[in-house]
Amino acid sequence: MDAFGRTIDYLRLSITDRCNERCLYCMPEGYRGWRTRPDHLTREEIVRVARVAVRLGFRKFRLTGGEPLVRDDVVEITRELAAMPGVHCVGLSTNGLRLAALAPPLRDAGLRTVNISLDALNPELYRKITGGQLERVLDGIQAAVQCGFERIKLNCVLMRGVNEKEIWPLTLFAAELGLPLRLIELMPVTSSDVLDERNFFSIGEAMKLLGQHDEMTPVPNPRLGWGPAKYYRLRRTGALVGFIGALTTPHFCEHCNKMRLTADGKIRPCLGDHGELDLGALLRRGASDAELEEFFREAMARKPLAHSFLQGFTPCRPMTAIGG
């Protein structure tokens, strides 16, 4: 429990800052962090951190990046986490480019949930946003569905003048597959100009747009994970759409239950706050498990009540270096 009475039981583990895409909102042009900081935590270090976290009450883990599927030992990391006593769920956030091949071994290793980024269904627009190939992502989504993961979500980051016309096609696509679609507001993590009115597209606007196509009914308890999305069911299509509005939702952080571990070993109690504690340095000095536990407690105590995105927040390193 943190200083504000919130139960913190969810740790997002970034296992690399490398990525095989270059999304507009995540990785700035020219970023080469991994070339100057070859200090990613090893598989053994990641598993040890998770084991310490479990003793402190963490029960849910999500592998992120960068793109976690570019790491060669992602299946082994998944298997060790999933087999750990006390772990309730291991999930993955991915762009899907390598998912078609890796979905079966990941499912066999114990991966339970998958979040897949999908910012457009138009191939040319998708390439413009991400630099990637839409066809490979769609193959990855189909592979995940066929593997029978317990939960698969599609994530779309809203960008004015870029992909608002994709919202309805994405909704229909998700409904056809029986998957929830989450629409996510831009956050000033990689660049502060995302809050400019020329770029920022709010979830309120997205709801209004969807309301022109179908009637939406709130779904109060969809049991779709541990995130902050507010879900609605569309009456005619049956689509389930979640809205994540970190910038426009009052009391957005009120029930936040997560912390992050960056690929280079920093604990980040809040995405929207610059505070980080260097757990990696402690690990490599030969710290005992008791010292690591105390370090975690200190990080939890520093978790702020709310993010600072609306208080002139200036990003100090891009999202790909922090972890999704």
C-alpha atoms as a PDB file:
ATOM      1  CA  MET A   1       0.000   0.000   0.000  1.00  0.00           C
ATOM      2  CA  ASP A   2       1.316   3.463  -0.855  1.00  0.00           C
ATOM      3  CA  ALA A   3       1.198   6.701   1.152  1.00  0.00           C
ATOM      4  CA  PHE A   4      -2.334   7.423  -0.112  1.00  0.00           C
ATOM      5  CA  GLY A   5      -3.856   4.048   0.738  1.00  0.00           C
ATOM      6  CA  ARG A   6      -3.739   2.616  -2.777  1.00  0.00           C
ATOM      7  CA  THR A   7      -2.912  -1.079  -3.133  1.00  0.00           C
ATOM      8  CA  ILE A   8       0.117  -1.359  -5.442  1.00  0.00           C
ATOM      9  CA  ASP A   9       0.178  -4.886  -6.860  1.00  0.00           C
ATOM     10  CA  TYR A  10       0.960  -4.429 -10.569  1.00  0.00           C
ATOM     11  CA  LEU A  11       4.504  -4.098 -11.959  1.00  0.00           C
ATOM     12  CA  ARG A  12       5.206  -3.308 -15.588  1.00  0.00           C
ATOM     13  CA  LEU A  13       8.580  -4.767 -16.555  1.00  0.00           C
ATOM     14  CA  SER A  14      10.277  -3.137 -19.528  1.00  0.00           C
ATOM     15  CA  ILE A  15      12.706  -5.737 -20.837  1.00  0.00           C
ATOM     16  CA  THR A  16      14.198  -3.609 -23.641  1.00  0.00           C
ATOM     17  CA  ASP A  17      14.141  -0.082 -25.038  1.00  0.00           C
ATOM     18  CA  ARG A  18      14.734  -1.456 -28.534  1.00  0.00           C
ATOM     19  CA  CYS A  19      11.839  -1.469 -30.986  1.00  0.00           C
ATOM     20  CA  ASN A  20      11.189  -2.578 -34.562  1.00  0.00           C
ATOM     21  CA  GLU A  21       8.798   0.359 -35.111  1.00  0.00           C
ATOM     22  CA  ARG A  22       9.169   4.114 -34.670  1.00  0.00           C
ATOM     23  CA  CYS A  23       5.781   5.305 -33.476  1.00  0.00           C
ATOM     24  CA  LEU A  24       5.238   9.065 -33.621  1.00  0.00           C
ATOM     25  CA  TYR A  25       4.223   9.254 -29.952  1.00  0.00           C
ATOM     26  CA  CYS A  26       6.834   6.878 -28.511  1.00  0.00           C
ATOM     27  CA  MET A  27      10.292   7.060 -30.099  1.00  0.00           C
ATOM     28  CA  PRO A  28      11.755  10.352 -31.339  1.00  0.00           C
ATOM     29  CA  GLU A  29      13.706  10.431 -34.578  1.00  0.00           C
ATOM     30  CA  GLY A  30      17.329   9.538 -34.028  1.00  0.00           C
ATOM     31  CA  TYR A  31      16.867   7.791 -30.663  1.00  0.00           C
ATOM     32  CA  ARG A  32      19.586   5.172 -30.131  1.00  0.00           C
ATOM     33  CA  GLY A  33      19.501   4.696 -26.378  1.00  0.00           C
ATOM     34  CA  TRP A  34      20.466   1.045 -26.491  1.00  0.00           C
ATOM     35  CA  ARG A  35      23.699   1.867 -28.309  1.00  0.00           C
ATOM     36  CA  THR A  36      25.010   4.076 -25.515  1.00  0.00           C
ATOM     37  CA  ARG A  37      23.542   2.143 -22.559  1.00  0.00           C
ATOM     38  CA  PRO A  38      24.183  -1.590 -22.974  1.00  0.00           C
ATOM     39  CA  ASP A  39      22.900  -2.102 -19.447  1.00  0.00           C
ATOM     40  CA  HIS A  40      19.590  -3.898 -19.828  1.00  0.00           C
ATOM     41  CA  LEU A  41      18.818  -6.120 -16.899  1.00  0.00           C
ATOM     42  CA  THR A  42      19.564  -9.793 -17.494  1.00  0.00           C
ATOM     43  CA  ARG A  43      16.872 -12.440 -17.382  1.00  0.00           C
ATOM     44  CA  GLU A  44      18.145 -13.543 -13.974  1.00  0.00           C
ATOM     45  CA  GLU A  45      17.973  -9.969 -12.655  1.00  0.00           C
ATOM     46  CA  ILE A  46      14.446  -9.431 -13.976  1.00  0.00           C
ATOM     47  CA  VAL A  47      13.230 -12.670 -12.397  1.00  0.00           C
ATOM     48  CA  ARG A  48      14.917 -11.808  -9.099  1.00  0.00           C
ATOM     49  CA  VAL A  49      13.268  -8.387  -9.019  1.00  0.00           C
ATOM     50  CA  ALA A  50       9.894 -10.000  -9.710  1.00  0.00           C
ATOM     51  CA  ARG A  51      10.441 -12.526  -6.914  1.00  0.00           C
ATOM     52  CA  VAL A  52      11.179  -9.706  -4.456  1.00  0.00           C
ATOM     53  CA  ALA A  53       8.126  -7.795  -5.706  1.00  0.00           C
ATOM     54  CA  VAL A  54       5.897 -10.836  -5.108  1.00  0.00           C
ATOM     55  CA  ARG A  55       6.998 -10.943  -1.488  1.00  0.00           C
ATOM     56  CA  LEU A  56       5.801  -7.349  -1.185  1.00  0.00           C
ATOM     57  CA  GLY A  57       2.360  -8.151  -2.601  1.00  0.00           C
ATOM     58  CA  PHE A  58       2.780  -7.640  -6.343  1.00  0.00           C
ATOM     59  CA  ARG A  59       0.648 -10.189  -8.181  1.00  0.00           C
ATOM     60  CA  LYS A  60       0.377  -8.929 -11.763  1.00  0.00           C
ATOM     61  CA  PHE A  61       3.250  -8.410 -14.187  1.00  0.00           C
ATOM     62  CA  ARG A  62       3.307  -7.093 -17.745  1.00  0.00           C
ATOM     63  CA  LEU A  63       6.257  -7.334 -20.119  1.00  0.00           C
ATOM     64  CA  THR A  64       6.733  -4.119 -22.084  1.00  0.00           C
ATOM     65  CA  GLY A  65       9.389  -2.219 -23.994  1.00  0.00           C
ATOM     66  CA  GLY A  66      10.347  -0.831 -26.451  1.00  0.00           C
ATOM     67  CA  GLU A  67       9.063  -3.920 -28.151  1.00  0.00           C
ATOM     68  CA  PRO A  68       9.488  -6.874 -25.784  1.00  0.00           C
ATOM     69  CA  LEU A  69       9.297  -9.456 -28.574  1.00  0.00           C
ATOM     70  CA  VAL A  70      12.619  -8.298 -30.049  1.00  0.00           C
ATOM     71  CA  ARG A  71      14.350  -9.702 -26.964  1.00  0.00           C
ATOM     72  CA  ASP A  72      15.579 -13.241 -27.668  1.00  0.00           C
ATOM     73  CA  ASP A  73      14.786 -14.614 -24.206  1.00  0.00           C
ATOM     74  CA  VAL A  74      11.249 -13.233 -23.891  1.00  0.00           C
ATOM     75  CA  VAL A  75       9.727 -16.733 -23.815  1.00  0.00           C
ATOM     76  CA  GLU A  76      12.101 -17.845 -21.063  1.00  0.00           C
ATOM     77  CA  ILE A  77      11.389 -14.706 -19.016  1.00  0.00           C
ATOM     78  CA  THR A  78       7.666 -15.340 -19.402  1.00  0.00           C
ATOM     79  CA  ARG A  79       7.993 -18.966 -18.354  1.00  0.00           C
ATOM     80  CA  GLU A  80       9.961 -18.129 -15.182  1.00  0.00           C
ATOM     81  CA  LEU A  81       7.549 -15.392 -14.152  1.00  0.00           C
ATOM     82  CA  ALA A  82       4.439 -17.471 -14.819  1.00  0.00           C
ATOM     83  CA  ALA A  83       5.799 -20.378 -12.769  1.00  0.00           C
ATOM     84  CA  MET A  84       6.597 -18.185  -9.770  1.00  0.00           C
ATOM     85  CA  PRO A  85       4.412 -18.888  -6.700  1.00  0.00           C
ATOM     86  CA  GLY A  86       2.237 -15.890  -5.922  1.00  0.00           C
ATOM     87  CA  VAL A  87       2.053 -14.561  -9.492  1.00  0.00           C
ATOM     88  CA  HIS A  88      -1.564 -14.335 -10.612  1.00  0.00           C
ATOM     89  CA  CYS A  89      -1.032 -13.103 -14.172  1.00  0.00           C
ATOM     90  CA  VAL A  90       1.714 -12.385 -16.696  1.00  0.00           C
ATOM     91  CA  GLY A  91       0.720 -10.153 -19.592  1.00  0.00           C
ATOM     92  CA  LEU A  92       2.425  -8.609 -22.611  1.00  0.00           C
ATOM     93  CA  SER A  93       2.190  -5.312 -24.487  1.00  0.00           C
ATOM     94  CA  THR A  94       3.362  -5.572 -28.088  1.00  0.00           C
ATOM     95  CA  ASN A  95       3.138  -3.950 -31.491  1.00  0.00           C
ATOM     96  CA  GLY A  96       2.386  -7.413 -32.894  1.00  0.00           C
ATOM     97  CA  LEU A  97       5.007  -7.520 -35.627  1.00  0.00           C
ATOM     98  CA  ARG A  98       6.610 -10.700 -34.252  1.00  0.00           C
ATOM     99  CA  LEU A  99       3.550 -12.095 -32.542  1.00  0.00           C
ATOM    100  CA  ALA A 100       2.480 -14.531 -35.265  1.00  0.00           C
ATOM    101  CA  ALA A 101       5.556 -16.688 -34.643  1.00  0.00           C
ATOM    102  CA  LEU A 102       5.826 -16.137 -30.911  1.00  0.00           C
ATOM    103  CA  ALA A 103       2.192 -16.414 -29.794  1.00  0.00           C
ATOM    104  CA  PRO A 104       2.211 -20.247 -29.491  1.00  0.00           C
ATOM    105  CA  PRO A 105       5.427 -20.549 -27.419  1.00  0.00           C
ATOM    106  CA  LEU A 106       4.397 -17.605 -25.246  1.00  0.00           C
ATOM    107  CA  ARG A 107       1.015 -19.193 -24.554  1.00  0.00           C
ATOM    108  CA  ASP A 108       2.732 -22.471 -23.694  1.00  0.00           C
ATOM    109  CA  ALA A 109       5.095 -20.562 -21.380  1.00  0.00           C
ATOM    110  CA  GLY A 110       2.158 -19.253 -19.354  1.00  0.00           C
ATOM    111  CA  LEU A 111       1.412 -15.850 -20.873  1.00  0.00           C
ATOM    112  CA  ARG A 112      -2.232 -15.082 -20.136  1.00  0.00           C
ATOM    113  CA  THR A 113      -3.027 -11.667 -21.638  1.00  0.00           C
ATOM    114  CA  VAL A 114      -1.874  -9.630 -24.639  1.00  0.00           C
ATOM    115  CA  ASN A 115      -2.334  -5.942 -25.463  1.00  0.00           C
ATOM    116  CA  ILE A 116      -1.642  -5.144 -29.126  1.00  0.00           C
ATOM    117  CA  SER A 117      -1.096  -1.635 -30.506  1.00  0.00           C
ATOM    118  CA  LEU A 118      -3.201  -0.894 -33.572  1.00  0.00           C
ATOM    119  CA  ASP A 119      -3.404   2.791 -34.480  1.00  0.00           C
ATOM    120  CA  ALA A 120      -4.859   2.443 -37.989  1.00  0.00           C
ATOM    121  CA  LEU A 121      -6.274  -0.103 -40.434  1.00  0.00           C
ATOM    122  CA  ASN A 122      -5.168   1.804 -43.506  1.00  0.00           C
ATOM    123  CA  PRO A 123      -1.787   0.272 -44.439  1.00  0.00           C
ATOM    124  CA  GLU A 124      -0.240   3.527 -45.660  1.00  0.00           C
ATOM    125  CA  LEU A 125      -1.397   5.448 -42.600  1.00  0.00           C
ATOM    126  CA  TYR A 126      -0.221   2.664 -40.323  1.00  0.00           C
ATOM    127  CA  ARG A 127       3.227   2.874 -41.884  1.00  0.00           C
ATOM    128  CA  LYS A 128       3.227   6.662 -41.510  1.00  0.00           C
ATOM    129  CA  ILE A 129       2.407   6.395 -37.785  1.00  0.00           C
ATOM    130  CA  THR A 130       4.650   3.461 -36.887  1.00  0.00           C
ATOM    131  CA  GLY A 131       7.039   2.710 -39.737  1.00  0.00           C
ATOM    132  CA  GLY A 132       5.782  -0.890 -39.599  1.00  0.00           C
ATOM    133  CA  GLN A 133       3.801  -3.298 -41.784  1.00  0.00           C
ATOM    134  CA  LEU A 134       0.108  -3.588 -40.972  1.00  0.00           C
ATOM    135  CA  GLU A 135      -0.217  -7.047 -42.549  1.00  0.00           C
ATOM    136  CA  ARG A 136       2.255  -8.526 -40.060  1.00  0.00           C
ATOM    137  CA  VAL A 137       0.363  -7.002 -37.151  1.00  0.00           C
ATOM    138  CA  LEU A 138      -2.942  -8.406 -38.384  1.00  0.00           C
ATOM    139  CA  ASP A 139      -1.295 -11.826 -38.695  1.00  0.00           C
ATOM    140  CA  GLY A 140      -0.116 -11.461 -35.107  1.00  0.00           C
ATOM    141  CA  ILE A 141      -3.609 -10.600 -33.906  1.00  0.00           C
ATOM    142  CA  GLN A 142      -5.078 -13.632 -35.644  1.00  0.00           C
ATOM    143  CA  ALA A 143      -2.375 -15.866 -34.157  1.00  0.00           C
ATOM    144  CA  ALA A 144      -3.125 -14.548 -30.678  1.00  0.00           C
ATOM    145  CA  VAL A 145      -6.838 -15.237 -31.129  1.00  0.00           C
ATOM    146  CA  GLN A 146      -6.139 -18.768 -32.344  1.00  0.00           C
ATOM    147  CA  CYS A 147      -3.859 -19.457 -29.370  1.00  0.00           C
ATOM    148  CA  GLY A 148      -6.700 -18.770 -26.962  1.00  0.00           C
ATOM    149  CA  PHE A 149      -5.138 -16.169 -24.675  1.00  0.00           C
ATOM    150  CA  GLU A 150      -7.440 -15.358 -21.780  1.00  0.00           C
ATOM    151  CA  ARG A 151      -7.660 -11.730 -22.800  1.00  0.00           C
ATOM    152  CA  ILE A 152      -6.579  -9.769 -25.883  1.00  0.00           C
ATOM    153  CA  LYS A 153      -7.014  -6.002 -26.150  1.00  0.00           C
ATOM    154  CA  LEU A 154      -6.369  -3.683 -29.076  1.00  0.00           C
ATOM    155  CA  ASN A 155      -4.910  -0.271 -28.223  1.00  0.00           C
ATOM    156  CA  CYS A 156      -5.222   2.863 -30.356  1.00  0.00           C
ATOM    157  CA  VAL A 157      -3.516   6.150 -29.436  1.00  0.00           C
ATOM    158  CA  LEU A 158      -5.622   9.131 -30.542  1.00  0.00           C
ATOM    159  CA  MET A 159      -3.906  11.760 -32.712  1.00  0.00           C
ATOM    160  CA  ARG A 160      -5.769  14.721 -34.170  1.00  0.00           C
ATOM    161  CA  GLY A 161      -5.358  15.087 -37.889  1.00  0.00           C
ATOM    162  CA  VAL A 162      -3.795  11.637 -38.101  1.00  0.00           C
ATOM    163  CA  ASN A 163      -6.074   8.766 -37.172  1.00  0.00           C
ATOM    164  CA  GLU A 164      -9.424  10.032 -35.916  1.00  0.00           C
ATOM    165  CA  LYS A 165     -11.035   8.740 -39.126  1.00  0.00           C
ATOM    166  CA  GLU A 166      -9.743   5.279 -38.214  1.00  0.00           C
ATOM    167  CA  ILE A 167     -11.709   5.080 -34.954  1.00  0.00           C
ATOM    168  CA  TRP A 168     -14.900   3.678 -36.471  1.00  0.00           C
ATOM    169  CA  PRO A 169     -13.171   1.132 -38.772  1.00  0.00           C
ATOM    170  CA  LEU A 170     -11.071  -0.024 -35.800  1.00  0.00           C
ATOM    171  CA  THR A 171     -14.225  -0.393 -33.715  1.00  0.00           C
ATOM    172  CA  LEU A 172     -15.871  -2.572 -36.363  1.00  0.00           C
ATOM    173  CA  PHE A 173     -12.700  -4.633 -36.765  1.00  0.00           C
ATOM    174  CA  ALA A 174     -12.434  -5.268 -33.020  1.00  0.00           C
ATOM    175  CA  ALA A 175     -16.134  -6.149 -32.808  1.00  0.00           C
ATOM    176  CA  GLU A 176     -15.767  -8.671 -35.646  1.00  0.00           C
ATOM    177  CA  LEU A 177     -13.029 -10.443 -33.695  1.00  0.00           C
ATOM    178  CA  GLY A 178     -14.854 -10.113 -30.384  1.00  0.00           C
ATOM    179  CA  LEU A 179     -11.986  -8.087 -28.884  1.00  0.00           C
ATOM    180  CA  PRO A 180     -12.141  -4.906 -26.791  1.00  0.00           C
ATOM    181  CA  LEU A 181     -10.706  -1.765 -28.358  1.00  0.00           C
ATOM    182  CA  ARG A 182      -9.141   0.866 -26.096  1.00  0.00           C
ATOM    183  CA  LEU A 183      -8.829   4.477 -27.233  1.00  0.00           C
ATOM    184  CA  ILE A 184      -6.016   6.273 -25.437  1.00  0.00           C
ATOM    185  CA  GLU A 185      -5.250   9.979 -25.134  1.00  0.00           C
ATOM    186  CA  LEU A 186      -1.775  11.183 -26.031  1.00  0.00           C
ATOM    187  CA  MET A 187       0.430  11.870 -23.023  1.00  0.00           C
ATOM    188  CA  PRO A 188       3.430  14.260 -22.987  1.00  0.00           C
ATOM    189  CA  VAL A 189       5.968  11.534 -22.287  1.00  0.00           C
ATOM    190  CA  THR A 190       8.110  11.626 -25.428  1.00  0.00           C
ATOM    191  CA  SER A 191       7.238  15.157 -26.530  1.00  0.00           C
ATOM    192  CA  SER A 192       5.353  17.989 -24.830  1.00  0.00           C
ATOM    193  CA  ASP A 193       3.829  19.257 -28.093  1.00  0.00           C
ATOM    194  CA  VAL A 194       1.326  16.385 -28.059  1.00  0.00           C
ATOM    195  CA  LEU A 195      -0.828  18.601 -25.832  1.00  0.00           C
ATOM    196  CA  ASP A 196      -1.054  21.236 -28.559  1.00  0.00           C
ATOM    197  CA  GLU A 197      -4.640  21.547 -29.818  1.00  0.00           C
ATOM    198  CA  ARG A 198      -3.363  20.668 -33.292  1.00  0.00           C
ATOM    199  CA  ASN A 199      -2.310  17.220 -32.039  1.00  0.00           C
ATOM    200  CA  PHE A 200      -4.396  16.308 -29.006  1.00  0.00           C
ATOM    201  CA  PHE A 201      -7.653  14.419 -29.558  1.00  0.00           C
ATOM    202  CA  SER A 202      -9.603  13.756 -26.368  1.00  0.00           C
ATOM    203  CA  ILE A 203     -11.578  10.675 -25.418  1.00  0.00           C
ATOM    204  CA  GLY A 204     -14.621  12.955 -25.137  1.00  0.00           C
ATOM    205  CA  GLU A 205     -14.324  13.733 -28.836  1.00  0.00           C
ATOM    206  CA  ALA A 206     -13.831  10.048 -29.600  1.00  0.00           C
ATOM    207  CA  MET A 207     -16.995   9.180 -27.658  1.00  0.00           C
ATOM    208  CA  LYS A 208     -18.930  11.820 -29.553  1.00  0.00           C
ATOM    209  CA  LEU A 209     -17.658  10.435 -32.856  1.00  0.00           C
ATOM    210  CA  LEU A 210     -18.668   6.872 -31.970  1.00  0.00           C
ATOM    211  CA  GLY A 211     -22.041   8.125 -30.749  1.00  0.00           C
ATOM    212  CA  GLN A 212     -22.775   9.284 -34.283  1.00  0.00           C
ATOM    213  CA  HIS A 213     -22.566   5.654 -35.446  1.00  0.00           C
ATOM    214  CA  ASP A 214     -24.049   3.666 -32.590  1.00  0.00           C
ATOM    215  CA  GLU A 215     -25.659   3.951 -29.162  1.00  0.00           C
ATOM    216  CA  MET A 216     -23.199   3.500 -26.281  1.00  0.00           C
ATOM    217  CA  THR A 217     -24.042   2.063 -22.866  1.00  0.00           C
ATOM    218  CA  PRO A 218     -21.585   2.146 -19.924  1.00  0.00           C
ATOM    219  CA  VAL A 219     -20.262  -1.214 -18.734  1.00  0.00           C
ATOM    220  CA  PRO A 220     -19.510  -0.685 -15.024  1.00  0.00           C
ATOM    221  CA  ASN A 221     -17.520  -3.833 -14.204  1.00  0.00           C
ATOM    222  CA  PRO A 222     -16.244  -5.541 -17.353  1.00  0.00           C
ATOM    223  CA  ARG A 223     -13.457  -7.447 -15.502  1.00  0.00           C
ATOM    224  CA  LEU A 224     -10.990  -6.791 -18.282  1.00  0.00           C
ATOM    225  CA  GLY A 225      -7.833  -6.288 -16.252  1.00  0.00           C
ATOM    226  CA  TRP A 226      -6.396  -3.734 -13.874  1.00  0.00           C
ATOM    227  CA  GLY A 227      -6.082  -0.601 -15.968  1.00  0.00           C
ATOM    228  CA  PRO A 228      -7.959   2.721 -15.852  1.00  0.00           C
ATOM    229  CA  ALA A 229     -10.147   2.254 -18.943  1.00  0.00           C
ATOM    230  CA  LYS A 230     -13.870   3.054 -18.740  1.00  0.00           C
ATOM    231  CA  TYR A 231     -15.773   0.675 -21.009  1.00  0.00           C
ATOM    232  CA  TYR A 232     -18.879   1.120 -23.139  1.00  0.00           C
ATOM    233  CA  ARG A 233     -20.882  -1.414 -25.146  1.00  0.00           C
ATOM    234  CA  LEU A 234     -22.150  -0.342 -28.554  1.00  0.00           C
ATOM    235  CA  ARG A 235     -25.724  -1.545 -28.981  1.00  0.00           C
ATOM    236  CA  ARG A 236     -25.890  -2.299 -32.701  1.00  0.00           C
ATOM    237  CA  THR A 237     -22.396  -3.644 -33.374  1.00  0.00           C
ATOM    238  CA  GLY A 238     -21.846  -5.231 -29.965  1.00  0.00           C
ATOM    239  CA  ALA A 239     -18.395  -3.608 -29.854  1.00  0.00           C
ATOM    240  CA  LEU A 240     -16.731  -3.107 -26.464  1.00  0.00           C
ATOM    241  CA  VAL A 241     -14.723   0.122 -26.368  1.00  0.00           C
ATOM    242  CA  GLY A 242     -12.593   1.369 -23.488  1.00  0.00           C
ATOM    243  CA  PHE A 243     -11.511   4.978 -23.032  1.00  0.00           C
ATOM    244  CA  ILE A 244      -8.287   5.980 -21.268  1.00  0.00           C
ATOM    245  CA  GLY A 245      -8.082   9.710 -20.719  1.00  0.00           C
ATOM    246  CA  ALA A 246      -5.146  10.582 -18.501  1.00  0.00           C
ATOM    247  CA  LEU A 247      -5.415  14.257 -19.441  1.00  0.00           C
ATOM    248  CA  THR A 248      -9.165  14.851 -19.354  1.00  0.00           C
ATOM    249  CA  THR A 249     -10.513  12.361 -16.776  1.00  0.00           C
ATOM    250  CA  PRO A 250     -10.960  13.821 -13.276  1.00  0.00           C
ATOM    251  CA  HIS A 251      -9.304  11.794 -10.507  1.00  0.00           C
ATOM    252  CA  PHE A 252      -7.601   9.638 -13.135  1.00  0.00           C
ATOM    253  CA  CYS A 253      -4.895   8.464 -10.710  1.00  0.00           C
ATOM    254  CA  GLU A 254      -7.203   7.843  -7.763  1.00  0.00           C
ATOM    255  CA  HIS A 255      -7.002   4.058  -7.973  1.00  0.00           C
ATOM    256  CA  CYS A 256      -3.620   3.619  -9.668  1.00  0.00           C
ATOM    257  CA  ASN A 257      -2.109   0.281  -8.666  1.00  0.00           C
ATOM    258  CA  LYS A 258       1.072   0.135 -10.748  1.00  0.00           C
ATOM    259  CA  MET A 259       4.756   0.915 -10.836  1.00  0.00           C
ATOM    260  CA  ARG A 260       7.293   0.451 -13.632  1.00  0.00           C
ATOM    261  CA  LEU A 261      10.751  -1.053 -13.923  1.00  0.00           C
ATOM    262  CA  THR A 262      12.692   0.374 -16.861  1.00  0.00           C
ATOM    263  CA  ALA A 263      14.936  -1.769 -19.048  1.00  0.00           C
ATOM    264  CA  ASP A 264      18.011  -0.184 -17.478  1.00  0.00           C
ATOM    265  CA  GLY A 265      16.862  -0.985 -13.958  1.00  0.00           C
ATOM    266  CA  LYS A 266      15.128   2.158 -12.695  1.00  0.00           C
ATOM    267  CA  ILE A 267      11.960   1.886 -10.626  1.00  0.00           C
ATOM    268  CA  ARG A 268       9.514   4.559 -11.748  1.00  0.00           C
ATOM    269  CA  PRO A 269       6.591   4.912  -9.342  1.00  0.00           C
ATOM    270  CA  CYS A 270       4.582   7.121 -11.757  1.00  0.00           C
ATOM    271  CA  LEU A 271       4.736   7.486 -15.528  1.00  0.00           C
ATOM    272  CA  GLY A 272       3.837  11.163 -15.266  1.00  0.00           C
ATOM    273  CA  ASP A 273       6.511  12.065 -12.730  1.00  0.00           C
ATOM    274  CA  HIS A 274      10.275  12.195 -13.221  1.00  0.00           C
ATOM    275  CA  GLY A 275      11.060  10.401  -9.969  1.00  0.00           C
ATOM    276  CA  GLU A 276      13.137   7.246 -10.496  1.00  0.00           C
ATOM    277  CA  LEU A 277      15.203   5.054  -8.183  1.00  0.00           C
ATOM    278  CA  ASP A 278      18.178   3.097  -9.510  1.00  0.00           C
ATOM    279  CA  LEU A 279      17.441  -0.502  -8.556  1.00  0.00           C
ATOM    280  CA  GLY A 280      19.821  -1.813 -11.211  1.00  0.00           C
ATOM    281  CA  ALA A 281      22.836  -0.215  -9.524  1.00  0.00           C
ATOM    282  CA  LEU A 282      21.789  -1.784  -6.227  1.00  0.00           C
ATOM    283  CA  LEU A 283      21.429  -5.191  -7.864  1.00  0.00           C
ATOM    284  CA  ARG A 284      24.905  -5.014  -9.334  1.00  0.00           C
ATOM    285  CA  ARG A 285      26.457  -3.998  -6.036  1.00  0.00           C
ATOM    286  CA  GLY A 286      25.381  -7.372  -4.685  1.00  0.00           C
ATOM    287  CA  ALA A 287      22.427  -6.203  -2.590  1.00  0.00           C
ATOM    288  CA  SER A 288      20.553  -8.750  -0.508  1.00  0.00           C
ATOM    289  CA  ASP A 289      16.867  -9.487  -1.055  1.00  0.00           C
ATOM    290  CA  ALA A 290      16.100  -7.610   2.162  1.00  0.00           C
ATOM    291  CA  GLU A 291      17.828  -4.509   0.770  1.00  0.00           C
ATOM    292  CA  LEU A 292      15.894  -4.825  -2.485  1.00  0.00           C
ATOM    293  CA  GLU A 293      12.624  -5.097  -0.555  1.00  0.00           C
ATOM    294  CA  GLU A 294      13.431  -1.942   1.387  1.00  0.00           C
ATOM    295  CA  PHE A 295      14.257  -0.199  -1.882  1.00  0.00           C
ATOM    296  CA  PHE A 296      10.860  -1.196  -3.287  1.00  0.00           C
ATOM    297  CA  ARG A 297       9.148   0.146  -0.188  1.00  0.00           C
ATOM    298  CA  GLU A 298      10.940   3.459  -0.593  1.00  0.00           C
ATOM    299  CA  ALA A 299       9.839   3.652  -4.224  1.00  0.00           C
ATOM    300  CA  MET A 300       6.254   2.905  -3.227  1.00  0.00           C
ATOM    301  CA  ALA A 301       6.388   5.633  -0.591  1.00  0.00           C
ATOM    302  CA  ARG A 302       7.449   8.115  -3.272  1.00  0.00           C
ATOM    303  CA  LYS A 303       4.537   7.353  -5.580  1.00  0.00           C
ATOM    304  CA  PRO A 304       2.726  10.702  -6.025  1.00  0.00           C
ATOM    305  CA  LEU A 305      -0.994  11.169  -5.623  1.00  0.00           C
ATOM    306  CA  ALA A 306      -1.373  12.182  -9.283  1.00  0.00           C
ATOM    307  CA  HIS A 307       0.624  12.650 -12.464  1.00  0.00           C
ATOM    308  CA  SER A 308       2.118  16.015 -13.427  1.00  0.00           C
ATOM    309  CA  PHE A 309       1.153  16.026 -17.103  1.00  0.00           C
ATOM    310  CA  LEU A 310      -0.961  19.170 -16.758  1.00  0.00           C
ATOM    311  CA  GLN A 311       1.599  21.054 -14.656  1.00  0.00           C
ATOM    312  CA  GLY A 312       4.113  21.881 -17.366  1.00  0.00           C
ATOM    313  CA  PHE A 313       5.548  18.372 -17.510  1.00  0.00           C
ATOM    314  CA  THR A 314       8.634  18.196 -19.738  1.00  0.00           C
ATOM    315  CA  PRO A 315       9.741  14.702 -20.807  1.00  0.00           C
ATOM    316  CA  CYS A 316      13.306  13.794 -19.903  1.00  0.00           C
ATOM    317  CA  ARG A 317      13.498  10.598 -21.931  1.00  0.00           C
ATOM    318  CA  PRO A 318      11.131   8.975 -24.468  1.00  0.00           C
ATOM    319  CA  MET A 319       8.444   6.429 -23.797  1.00  0.00           C
ATOM    320  CA  THR A 320      10.466   3.650 -25.385  1.00  0.00           C
ATOM    321  CA  ALA A 321      13.134   4.181 -22.696  1.00  0.00           C
ATOM    322  CA  ILE A 322      10.622   4.214 -19.845  1.00  0.00           C
ATOM    323  CA  GLY A 323       8.432   1.283 -20.788  1.00  0.00           C
ATOM    324  CA  GLY A 324       4.843   1.233 -22.014  1.00  0.00           C
END
